Amino acid sequence: MRAALLRRRDHMASALKAYFDDRLAFTLPTGGYHVWGRWNVDVDDRKLLDVAIESGVVITPGRAYGADPGSVRLTFASSREEEIEDGILRLRAAFNSMKGS
């Protein structure tokens, strides 16, 4: 299970770097099931949640867990690697639609 989680974590990290570049800073966890990130651009994380859901991916704004606005928790534990990349692509599409990119 640990090896599978590490592969999923690393796959998510690679996809985030590839598709968000410096717009999202994140911490690579040494354990657990989530990647925590912080948007480096102004984004309404509540609206992004709605747009992301419409795009077929669920994220959790960090404020749901008491973190500052602009933070996000992304879960990799329950998805296959190919689903993770698809989810990050959907998140990018949602993000870009909000930013007008």
PDB file of N, CA and C in Angstrom:
ATOM      1  N   MET A   1       0.820  -1.189   0.000  1.00  0.00           N
ATOM      2  CA  MET A   1       0.000   0.000   0.000  1.00  0.00           C
ATOM      3  C   MET A   1       0.870   1.262   0.000  1.00  0.00           C
ATOM      4  N   ARG A   2       1.938   1.254   0.783  1.00  0.00           N
ATOM      5  CA  ARG A   2       2.820   2.432   0.829  1.00  0.00           C
ATOM      6  C   ARG A   2       3.408   2.740  -0.540  1.00  0.00           C
ATOM      7  N   ALA A   3       3.846   1.711  -1.230  1.00  0.00           N
ATOM      8  CA  ALA A   3       4.438   1.922  -2.560  1.00  0.00           C
ATOM      9  C   ALA A   3       3.408   2.505  -3.518  1.00  0.00           C
ATOM     10  N   ALA A   4       2.189   2.021  -3.463  1.00  0.00           N
ATOM     11  CA  ALA A   4       1.129   2.542  -4.335  1.00  0.00           C
ATOM     12  C   ALA A   4       0.830   3.997  -4.006  1.00  0.00           C
ATOM     13  N   LEU A   5       0.774   4.335  -2.719  1.00  0.00           N
ATOM     14  CA  LEU A   5       0.520   5.717  -2.324  1.00  0.00           C
ATOM     15  C   LEU A   5       1.651   6.637  -2.763  1.00  0.00           C
ATOM     16  N   LEU A   6       2.883   6.184  -2.645  1.00  0.00           N
ATOM     17  CA  LEU A   6       4.014   7.004  -3.095  1.00  0.00           C
ATOM     18  C   LEU A   6       3.963   7.248  -4.601  1.00  0.00           C
ATOM     19  N   ARG A   7       3.603   6.231  -5.368  1.00  0.00           N
ATOM     20  CA  ARG A   7       3.472   6.410  -6.822  1.00  0.00           C
ATOM     21  C   ARG A   7       2.375   7.414  -7.134  1.00  0.00           C
ATOM     22  N   ARG A   8       1.250   7.296  -6.460  1.00  0.00           N
ATOM     23  CA  ARG A   8       0.141   8.241  -6.693  1.00  0.00           C
ATOM     24  C   ARG A   8       0.538   9.656  -6.287  1.00  0.00           C
ATOM     25  N   ARG A   9       1.189   9.780  -5.147  1.00  0.00           N
ATOM     26  CA  ARG A   9       1.650  11.098  -4.695  1.00  0.00           C
ATOM     27  C   ARG A   9       2.593  11.712  -5.722  1.00  0.00           C
ATOM     28  N   ASP A  10       3.561  10.932  -6.165  1.00  0.00           N
ATOM     29  CA  ASP A  10       4.539  11.437  -7.126  1.00  0.00           C
ATOM     30  C   ASP A  10       3.878  11.777  -8.464  1.00  0.00           C
ATOM     31  N   HIS A  11       2.900  10.985  -8.848  1.00  0.00           N
ATOM     32  CA  HIS A  11       2.184  11.261 -10.096  1.00  0.00           C
ATOM     33  C   HIS A  11       1.414  12.575  -9.977  1.00  0.00           C
ATOM     34  N   MET A  12       0.776  12.799  -8.837  1.00  0.00           N
ATOM     35  CA  MET A  12       0.061  14.060  -8.631  1.00  0.00           C
ATOM     36  C   MET A  12       1.035  15.229  -8.645  1.00  0.00           C
ATOM     37  N   ALA A  13       2.163  15.089  -7.981  1.00  0.00           N
ATOM     38  CA  ALA A  13       3.151  16.170  -7.939  1.00  0.00           C
ATOM     39  C   ALA A  13       3.652  16.504  -9.337  1.00  0.00           C
ATOM     40  N   SER A  14       3.925  15.499 -10.136  1.00  0.00           N
ATOM     41  CA  SER A  14       4.385  15.729 -11.512  1.00  0.00           C
ATOM     42  C   SER A  14       3.326  16.452 -12.329  1.00  0.00           C
ATOM     43  N   ALA A  15       2.081  16.020 -12.189  1.00  0.00           N
ATOM     44  CA  ALA A  15       0.996  16.658 -12.943  1.00  0.00           C
ATOM     45  C   ALA A  15       0.789  18.103 -12.489  1.00  0.00           C
ATOM     46  N   LEU A  16       0.859  18.346 -11.196  1.00  0.00           N
ATOM     47  CA  LEU A  16       0.699  19.718 -10.704  1.00  0.00           C
ATOM     48  C   LEU A  16       1.797  20.624 -11.238  1.00  0.00           C
ATOM     49  N   LYS A  17       3.035  20.140 -11.223  1.00  0.00           N
ATOM     50  CA  LYS A  17       4.148  20.934 -11.752  1.00  0.00           C
ATOM     51  C   LYS A  17       3.967  21.192 -13.246  1.00  0.00           C
ATOM     52  N   ALA A  18       3.560  20.164 -13.971  1.00  0.00           N
ATOM     53  CA  ALA A  18       3.417  20.285 -15.424  1.00  0.00           C
ATOM     54  C   ALA A  18       2.276  21.214 -15.816  1.00  0.00           C
ATOM     55  N   TYR A  19       1.168  21.167 -15.109  1.00  0.00           N
ATOM     56  CA  TYR A  19      -0.027  21.885 -15.548  1.00  0.00           C
ATOM     57  C   TYR A  19      -0.298  23.180 -14.809  1.00  0.00           C
ATOM     58  N   PHE A  20       0.368  23.394 -13.670  1.00  0.00           N
ATOM     59  CA  PHE A  20       0.150  24.637 -12.931  1.00  0.00           C
ATOM     60  C   PHE A  20       1.415  25.467 -12.766  1.00  0.00           C
ATOM     61  N   ASP A  21       2.562  24.895 -13.041  1.00  0.00           N
ATOM     62  CA  ASP A  21       3.826  25.615 -12.967  1.00  0.00           C
ATOM     63  C   ASP A  21       3.932  26.334 -11.628  1.00  0.00           C
ATOM     64  N   ASP A  22       4.138  27.639 -11.651  1.00  0.00           N
ATOM     65  CA  ASP A  22       4.311  28.393 -10.411  1.00  0.00           C
ATOM     66  C   ASP A  22       3.017  28.994  -9.880  1.00  0.00           C
ATOM     67  N   ARG A  23       1.888  28.685 -10.490  1.00  0.00           N
ATOM     68  CA  ARG A  23       0.612  29.227 -10.013  1.00  0.00           C
ATOM     69  C   ARG A  23       0.127  28.530  -8.742  1.00  0.00           C
ATOM     70  N   LEU A  24       0.681  27.342  -8.461  1.00  0.00           N
ATOM     71  CA  LEU A  24       0.311  26.594  -7.267  1.00  0.00           C
ATOM     72  C   LEU A  24       1.564  26.068  -6.596  1.00  0.00           C
ATOM     73  N   ALA A  25       1.804  26.533  -5.382  1.00  0.00           N
ATOM     74  CA  ALA A  25       2.901  25.989  -4.578  1.00  0.00           C
ATOM     75  C   ALA A  25       2.313  24.883  -3.720  1.00  0.00           C
ATOM     76  N   PHE A  26       3.045  23.796  -3.567  1.00  0.00           N
ATOM     77  CA  PHE A  26       2.515  22.712  -2.760  1.00  0.00           C
ATOM     78  C   PHE A  26       3.624  22.021  -1.993  1.00  0.00           C
ATOM     79  N   THR A  27       3.208  21.335  -0.957  1.00  0.00           N
ATOM     80  CA  THR A  27       4.114  20.582  -0.108  1.00  0.00           C
ATOM     81  C   THR A  27       3.968  19.113  -0.451  1.00  0.00           C
ATOM     82  N   LEU A  28       5.074  18.467  -0.709  1.00  0.00           N
ATOM     83  CA  LEU A  28       5.062  17.042  -0.984  1.00  0.00           C
ATOM     84  C   LEU A  28       5.078  16.308   0.358  1.00  0.00           C
ATOM     85  N   PRO A  29       4.000  15.602   0.682  1.00  0.00           N
ATOM     86  CA  PRO A  29       3.954  14.953   1.993  1.00  0.00           C
ATOM     87  C   PRO A  29       4.879  13.741   2.069  1.00  0.00           C
ATOM     88  N   THR A  30       5.389  13.469   3.244  1.00  0.00           N
ATOM     89  CA  THR A  30       6.205  12.274   3.444  1.00  0.00           C
ATOM     90  C   THR A  30       5.339  11.075   3.812  1.00  0.00           C
ATOM     91  N   GLY A  31       4.077  11.320   4.078  1.00  0.00           N
ATOM     92  CA  GLY A  31       3.110  10.280   4.380  1.00  0.00           C
ATOM     93  C   GLY A  31       1.718  10.841   4.187  1.00  0.00           C
ATOM     94  N   GLY A  32       0.732  10.023   4.384  1.00  0.00           N
ATOM     95  CA  GLY A  32      -0.632  10.503   4.293  1.00  0.00           C
ATOM     96  C   GLY A  32      -1.243  10.320   2.923  1.00  0.00           C
ATOM     97  N   TYR A  33      -2.324  11.046   2.688  1.00  0.00           N
ATOM     98  CA  TYR A  33      -3.158  10.857   1.508  1.00  0.00           C
ATOM     99  C   TYR A  33      -3.400  12.124   0.704  1.00  0.00           C
ATOM    100  N   HIS A  34      -2.828  13.241   1.124  1.00  0.00           N
ATOM    101  CA  HIS A  34      -3.182  14.529   0.536  1.00  0.00           C
ATOM    102  C   HIS A  34      -1.954  15.366   0.192  1.00  0.00           C
ATOM    103  N   VAL A  35      -2.112  16.174  -0.824  1.00  0.00           N
ATOM    104  CA  VAL A  35      -1.150  17.226  -1.138  1.00  0.00           C
ATOM    105  C   VAL A  35      -1.827  18.541  -0.765  1.00  0.00           C
ATOM    106  N   TRP A  36      -1.155  19.331   0.045  1.00  0.00           N
ATOM    107  CA  TRP A  36      -1.648  20.662   0.400  1.00  0.00           C
ATOM    108  C   TRP A  36      -0.960  21.685  -0.498  1.00  0.00           C
ATOM    109  N   GLY A  37      -1.752  22.605  -1.040  1.00  0.00           N
ATOM    110  CA  GLY A  37      -1.201  23.635  -1.903  1.00  0.00           C
ATOM    111  C   GLY A  37      -1.708  25.009  -1.536  1.00  0.00           C
ATOM    112  N   ARG A  38      -1.044  26.008  -2.115  1.00  0.00           N
ATOM    113  CA  ARG A  38      -1.460  27.404  -1.941  1.00  0.00           C
ATOM    114  C   ARG A  38      -1.346  28.057  -3.303  1.00  0.00           C
ATOM    115  N   TRP A  39      -2.455  28.690  -3.704  1.00  0.00           N
ATOM    116  CA  TRP A  39      -2.463  29.394  -4.988  1.00  0.00           C
ATOM    117  C   TRP A  39      -1.561  30.613  -4.894  1.00  0.00           C
ATOM    118  N   ASN A  40      -0.707  30.803  -5.867  1.00  0.00           N
ATOM    119  CA  ASN A  40       0.188  31.967  -5.930  1.00  0.00           C
ATOM    120  C   ASN A  40      -0.420  33.090  -6.753  1.00  0.00           C
ATOM    121  N   VAL A  41      -1.667  32.925  -7.103  1.00  0.00           N
ATOM    122  CA  VAL A  41      -2.433  33.941  -7.818  1.00  0.00           C
ATOM    123  C   VAL A  41      -3.739  34.124  -7.068  1.00  0.00           C
ATOM    124  N   ASP A  42      -4.370  35.262  -7.298  1.00  0.00           N
ATOM    125  CA  ASP A  42      -5.644  35.532  -6.642  1.00  0.00           C
ATOM    126  C   ASP A  42      -6.719  34.628  -7.232  1.00  0.00           C
ATOM    127  N   VAL A  43      -7.331  33.809  -6.387  1.00  0.00           N
ATOM    128  CA  VAL A  43      -8.390  32.916  -6.847  1.00  0.00           C
ATOM    129  C   VAL A  43      -9.430  32.795  -5.737  1.00  0.00           C
ATOM    130  N   ASP A  44     -10.677  32.840  -6.132  1.00  0.00           N
ATOM    131  CA  ASP A  44     -11.776  32.623  -5.198  1.00  0.00           C
ATOM    132  C   ASP A  44     -11.936  31.113  -5.038  1.00  0.00           C
ATOM    133  N   ASP A  45     -11.405  30.580  -3.951  1.00  0.00           N
ATOM    134  CA  ASP A  45     -11.380  29.125  -3.808  1.00  0.00           C
ATOM    135  C   ASP A  45     -12.773  28.515  -3.689  1.00  0.00           C
ATOM    136  N   ARG A  46     -13.748  29.271  -3.200  1.00  0.00           N
ATOM    137  CA  ARG A  46     -15.123  28.759  -3.144  1.00  0.00           C
ATOM    138  C   ARG A  46     -15.707  28.630  -4.551  1.00  0.00           C
ATOM    139  N   LYS A  47     -15.464  29.640  -5.363  1.00  0.00           N
ATOM    140  CA  LYS A  47     -15.954  29.577  -6.739  1.00  0.00           C
ATOM    141  C   LYS A  47     -15.213  28.488  -7.517  1.00  0.00           C
ATOM    142  N   LEU A  48     -13.907  28.366  -7.272  1.00  0.00           N
ATOM    143  CA  LEU A  48     -13.141  27.323  -7.941  1.00  0.00           C
ATOM    144  C   LEU A  48     -13.689  25.948  -7.595  1.00  0.00           C
ATOM    145  N   LEU A  49     -14.089  25.745  -6.346  1.00  0.00           N
ATOM    146  CA  LEU A  49     -14.691  24.470  -5.961  1.00  0.00           C
ATOM    147  C   LEU A  49     -15.916  24.183  -6.818  1.00  0.00           C
ATOM    148  N   ASP A  50     -16.794  25.171  -6.975  1.00  0.00           N
ATOM    149  CA  ASP A  50     -18.008  24.982  -7.781  1.00  0.00           C
ATOM    150  C   ASP A  50     -17.674  24.677  -9.240  1.00  0.00           C
ATOM    151  N   VAL A  51     -16.746  25.442  -9.799  1.00  0.00           N
ATOM    152  CA  VAL A  51     -16.371  25.244 -11.202  1.00  0.00           C
ATOM    153  C   VAL A  51     -15.666  23.902 -11.385  1.00  0.00           C
ATOM    154  N   ALA A  52     -14.846  23.524 -10.428  1.00  0.00           N
ATOM    155  CA  ALA A  52     -14.159  22.237 -10.507  1.00  0.00           C
ATOM    156  C   ALA A  52     -15.168  21.087 -10.485  1.00  0.00           C
ATOM    157  N   ILE A  53     -16.155  21.163  -9.614  1.00  0.00           N
ATOM    158  CA  ILE A  53     -17.177  20.121  -9.553  1.00  0.00           C
ATOM    159  C   ILE A  53     -17.913  20.032 -10.888  1.00  0.00           C
ATOM    160  N   GLU A  54     -18.230  21.191 -11.469  1.00  0.00           N
ATOM    161  CA  GLU A  54     -18.874  21.197 -12.785  1.00  0.00           C
ATOM    162  C   GLU A  54     -17.978  20.560 -13.845  1.00  0.00           C
ATOM    163  N   SER A  55     -16.666  20.637 -13.633  1.00  0.00           N
ATOM    164  CA  SER A  55     -15.701  20.060 -14.572  1.00  0.00           C
ATOM    165  C   SER A  55     -15.417  18.589 -14.273  1.00  0.00           C
ATOM    166  N   GLY A  56     -16.029  18.060 -13.228  1.00  0.00           N
ATOM    167  CA  GLY A  56     -15.883  16.643 -12.931  1.00  0.00           C
ATOM    168  C   GLY A  56     -14.774  16.271 -11.975  1.00  0.00           C
ATOM    169  N   VAL A  57     -14.311  17.228 -11.178  1.00  0.00           N
ATOM    170  CA  VAL A  57     -13.270  16.942 -10.193  1.00  0.00           C
ATOM    171  C   VAL A  57     -13.624  17.656  -8.889  1.00  0.00           C
ATOM    172  N   VAL A  58     -13.335  16.999  -7.783  1.00  0.00           N
ATOM    173  CA  VAL A  58     -13.635  17.577  -6.477  1.00  0.00           C
ATOM    174  C   VAL A  58     -12.327  17.929  -5.779  1.00  0.00           C
ATOM    175  N   ILE A  59     -12.268  19.145  -5.288  1.00  0.00           N
ATOM    176  CA  ILE A  59     -11.136  19.618  -4.483  1.00  0.00           C
ATOM    177  C   ILE A  59     -11.709  20.084  -3.151  1.00  0.00           C
ATOM    178  N   THR A  60     -10.840  20.334  -2.196  1.00  0.00           N
ATOM    179  CA  THR A  60     -11.290  20.858  -0.915  1.00  0.00           C
ATOM    180  C   THR A  60     -10.540  22.145  -0.617  1.00  0.00           C
ATOM    181  N   PRO A  61     -11.263  23.275  -0.586  1.00  0.00           N
ATOM    182  CA  PRO A  61     -10.588  24.498  -0.156  1.00  0.00           C
ATOM    183  C   PRO A  61     -10.039  24.305   1.254  1.00  0.00           C
ATOM    184  N   GLY A  62      -8.833  24.772   1.471  1.00  0.00           N
ATOM    185  CA  GLY A  62      -8.194  24.578   2.766  1.00  0.00           C
ATOM    186  C   GLY A  62      -8.956  25.178   3.920  1.00  0.00           C
ATOM    187  N   ARG A  63      -9.746  26.215   3.644  1.00  0.00           N
ATOM    188  CA  ARG A  63     -10.492  26.856   4.730  1.00  0.00           C
ATOM    189  C   ARG A  63     -11.488  25.892   5.372  1.00  0.00           C
ATOM    190  N   ALA A  64     -11.881  24.815   4.674  1.00  0.00           N
ATOM    191  CA  ALA A  64     -12.764  23.812   5.260  1.00  0.00           C
ATOM    192  C   ALA A  64     -12.098  23.125   6.452  1.00  0.00           C
ATOM    193  N   TYR A  65     -10.754  23.194   6.507  1.00  0.00           N
ATOM    194  CA  TYR A  65      -9.986  22.588   7.595  1.00  0.00           C
ATOM    195  C   TYR A  65      -9.300  23.629   8.462  1.00  0.00           C
ATOM    196  N   GLY A  66      -9.704  24.888   8.321  1.00  0.00           N
ATOM    197  CA  GLY A  66      -9.141  25.955   9.136  1.00  0.00           C
ATOM    198  C   GLY A  66      -7.909  26.617   8.551  1.00  0.00           C
ATOM    199  N   ALA A  67      -7.515  26.241   7.331  1.00  0.00           N
ATOM    200  CA  ALA A  67      -6.362  26.878   6.676  1.00  0.00           C
ATOM    201  C   ALA A  67      -6.785  28.227   6.089  1.00  0.00           C
ATOM    202  N   ASP A  68      -5.821  29.016   5.706  1.00  0.00           N
ATOM    203  CA  ASP A  68      -6.086  30.328   5.127  1.00  0.00           C
ATOM    204  C   ASP A  68      -6.767  30.215   3.770  1.00  0.00           C
ATOM    205  N   PRO A  69      -7.565  31.229   3.407  1.00  0.00           N
ATOM    206  CA  PRO A  69      -8.118  31.264   2.051  1.00  0.00           C
ATOM    207  C   PRO A  69      -6.982  31.184   1.025  1.00  0.00           C
ATOM    208  N   GLY A  70      -7.248  30.517  -0.081  1.00  0.00           N
ATOM    209  CA  GLY A  70      -6.224  30.360  -1.108  1.00  0.00           C
ATOM    210  C   GLY A  70      -5.453  29.060  -0.990  1.00  0.00           C
ATOM    211  N   SER A  71      -5.754  28.288   0.047  1.00  0.00           N
ATOM    212  CA  SER A  71      -5.098  26.984   0.167  1.00  0.00           C
ATOM    213  C   SER A  71      -6.060  25.904  -0.328  1.00  0.00           C
ATOM    214  N   VAL A  72      -5.487  24.771  -0.695  1.00  0.00           N
ATOM    215  CA  VAL A  72      -6.293  23.692  -1.261  1.00  0.00           C
ATOM    216  C   VAL A  72      -5.712  22.346  -0.831  1.00  0.00           C
ATOM    217  N   ARG A  73      -6.598  21.393  -0.599  1.00  0.00           N
ATOM    218  CA  ARG A  73      -6.173  20.039  -0.275  1.00  0.00           C
ATOM    219  C   ARG A  73      -6.603  19.131  -1.416  1.00  0.00           C
ATOM    220  N   LEU A  74      -5.663  18.403  -1.959  1.00  0.00           N
ATOM    221  CA  LEU A  74      -5.913  17.484  -3.068  1.00  0.00           C
ATOM    222  C   LEU A  74      -5.599  16.067  -2.593  1.00  0.00           C
ATOM    223  N   THR A  75      -6.536  15.159  -2.802  1.00  0.00           N
ATOM    224  CA  THR A  75      -6.391  13.790  -2.326  1.00  0.00           C
ATOM    225  C   THR A  75      -5.964  12.872  -3.459  1.00  0.00           C
ATOM    226  N   PHE A  76      -4.977  12.040  -3.194  1.00  0.00           N
ATOM    227  CA  PHE A  76      -4.493  11.105  -4.210  1.00  0.00           C
ATOM    228  C   PHE A  76      -4.718   9.644  -3.823  1.00  0.00           C
ATOM    229  N   ALA A  77      -5.165   9.384  -2.622  1.00  0.00           N
ATOM    230  CA  ALA A  77      -5.193   8.021  -2.094  1.00  0.00           C
ATOM    231  C   ALA A  77      -6.168   7.091  -2.795  1.00  0.00           C
ATOM    232  N   SER A  78      -7.308   7.583  -3.195  1.00  0.00           N
ATOM    233  CA  SER A  78      -8.349   6.682  -3.695  1.00  0.00           C
ATOM    234  C   SER A  78      -8.432   6.614  -5.215  1.00  0.00           C
ATOM    235  N   SER A  79      -7.525   7.238  -5.911  1.00  0.00           N
ATOM    236  CA  SER A  79      -7.567   7.280  -7.373  1.00  0.00           C
ATOM    237  C   SER A  79      -6.399   6.538  -7.994  1.00  0.00           C
ATOM    238  N   ARG A  80      -6.654   5.952  -9.150  1.00  0.00           N
ATOM    239  CA  ARG A  80      -5.560   5.341  -9.921  1.00  0.00           C
ATOM    240  C   ARG A  80      -4.724   6.473 -10.529  1.00  0.00           C
ATOM    241  N   GLU A  81      -3.508   6.151 -10.918  1.00  0.00           N
ATOM    242  CA  GLU A  81      -2.598   7.164 -11.445  1.00  0.00           C
ATOM    243  C   GLU A  81      -3.181   7.890 -12.656  1.00  0.00           C
ATOM    244  N   GLU A  82      -3.788   7.161 -13.595  1.00  0.00           N
ATOM    245  CA  GLU A  82      -4.360   7.820 -14.776  1.00  0.00           C
ATOM    246  C   GLU A  82      -5.540   8.717 -14.404  1.00  0.00           C
ATOM    247  N   GLU A  83      -6.255   8.391 -13.327  1.00  0.00           N
ATOM    248  CA  GLU A  83      -7.346   9.246 -12.863  1.00  0.00           C
ATOM    249  C   GLU A  83      -6.799  10.532 -12.247  1.00  0.00           C
ATOM    250  N   ILE A  84      -5.656  10.425 -11.606  1.00  0.00           N
ATOM    251  CA  ILE A  84      -5.046  11.606 -10.990  1.00  0.00           C
ATOM    252  C   ILE A  84      -4.697  12.634 -12.056  1.00  0.00           C
ATOM    253  N   GLU A  85      -4.045  12.195 -13.110  1.00  0.00           N
ATOM    254  CA  GLU A  85      -3.680  13.139 -14.171  1.00  0.00           C
ATOM    255  C   GLU A  85      -4.924  13.753 -14.799  1.00  0.00           C
ATOM    256  N   ASP A  86      -5.932  12.946 -15.058  1.00  0.00           N
ATOM    257  CA  ASP A  86      -7.181  13.461 -15.616  1.00  0.00           C
ATOM    258  C   ASP A  86      -7.804  14.489 -14.674  1.00  0.00           C
ATOM    259  N   GLY A  87      -7.776  14.214 -13.373  1.00  0.00           N
ATOM    260  CA  GLY A  87      -8.316  15.159 -12.401  1.00  0.00           C
ATOM    261  C   GLY A  87      -7.571  16.482 -12.389  1.00  0.00           C
ATOM    262  N   ILE A  88      -6.250  16.430 -12.486  1.00  0.00           N
ATOM    263  CA  ILE A  88      -5.455  17.661 -12.513  1.00  0.00           C
ATOM    264  C   ILE A  88      -5.733  18.440 -13.797  1.00  0.00           C
ATOM    265  N   LEU A  89      -5.897  17.743 -14.902  1.00  0.00           N
ATOM    266  CA  LEU A  89      -6.256  18.418 -16.157  1.00  0.00           C
ATOM    267  C   LEU A  89      -7.623  19.091 -16.036  1.00  0.00           C
ATOM    268  N   ARG A  90      -8.566  18.430 -15.406  1.00  0.00           N
ATOM    269  CA  ARG A  90      -9.900  19.018 -15.200  1.00  0.00           C
ATOM    270  C   ARG A  90      -9.816  20.224 -14.275  1.00  0.00           C
ATOM    271  N   LEU A  91      -8.984  20.121 -13.245  1.00  0.00           N
ATOM    272  CA  LEU A  91      -8.788  21.253 -12.340  1.00  0.00           C
ATOM    273  C   LEU A  91      -8.170  22.427 -13.083  1.00  0.00           C
ATOM    274  N   ARG A  92      -7.204  22.147 -13.941  1.00  0.00           N
ATOM    275  CA  ARG A  92      -6.593  23.229 -14.727  1.00  0.00           C
ATOM    276  C   ARG A  92      -7.633  23.896 -15.622  1.00  0.00           C
ATOM    277  N   ALA A  93      -8.495  23.104 -16.253  1.00  0.00           N
ATOM    278  CA  ALA A  93      -9.540  23.667 -17.107  1.00  0.00           C
ATOM    279  C   ALA A  93     -10.486  24.551 -16.292  1.00  0.00           C
ATOM    280  N   ALA A  94     -10.850  24.096 -15.098  1.00  0.00           N
ATOM    281  CA  ALA A  94     -11.713  24.886 -14.238  1.00  0.00           C
ATOM    282  C   ALA A  94     -11.018  26.185 -13.822  1.00  0.00           C
ATOM    283  N   PHE A  95      -9.761  26.063 -13.426  1.00  0.00           N
ATOM    284  CA  PHE A  95      -8.971  27.223 -13.024  1.00  0.00           C
ATOM    285  C   PHE A  95      -8.862  28.223 -14.175  1.00  0.00           C
ATOM    286  N   ASN A  96      -8.521  27.719 -15.355  1.00  0.00           N
ATOM    287  CA  ASN A  96      -8.364  28.604 -16.512  1.00  0.00           C
ATOM    288  C   ASN A  96      -9.676  29.271 -16.897  1.00  0.00           C
ATOM    289  N   SER A  97     -10.789  28.571 -16.759  1.00  0.00           N
ATOM    290  CA  SER A  97     -12.078  29.182 -17.108  1.00  0.00           C
ATOM    291  C   SER A  97     -12.415  30.326 -16.158  1.00  0.00           C
ATOM    292  N   MET A  98     -11.981  30.225 -14.919  1.00  0.00           N
ATOM    293  CA  MET A  98     -12.207  31.310 -13.955  1.00  0.00           C
ATOM    294  C   MET A  98     -11.274  32.489 -14.215  1.00  0.00           C
ATOM    295  N   LYS A  99     -10.057  32.175 -14.623  1.00  0.00           N
ATOM    296  CA  LYS A  99      -9.053  33.226 -14.818  1.00  0.00           C
ATOM    297  C   LYS A  99      -9.114  33.835 -16.209  1.00  0.00           C
ATOM    298  N   GLY A 100      -9.951  33.267 -17.083  1.00  0.00           N
ATOM    299  CA  GLY A 100     -10.061  33.791 -18.433  1.00  0.00           C
ATOM    300  C   GLY A 100      -8.880  33.446 -19.310  1.00  0.00           C
ATOM    301  N   SER A 101      -8.142  32.371 -18.946  1.00  0.00           N
ATOM    302  CA  SER A 101      -6.957  31.969 -19.703  1.00  0.00           C
ATOM    303  C   SER A 101      -7.321  31.026 -20.809  1.00  0.00           C
TER     304      SER A 101
END
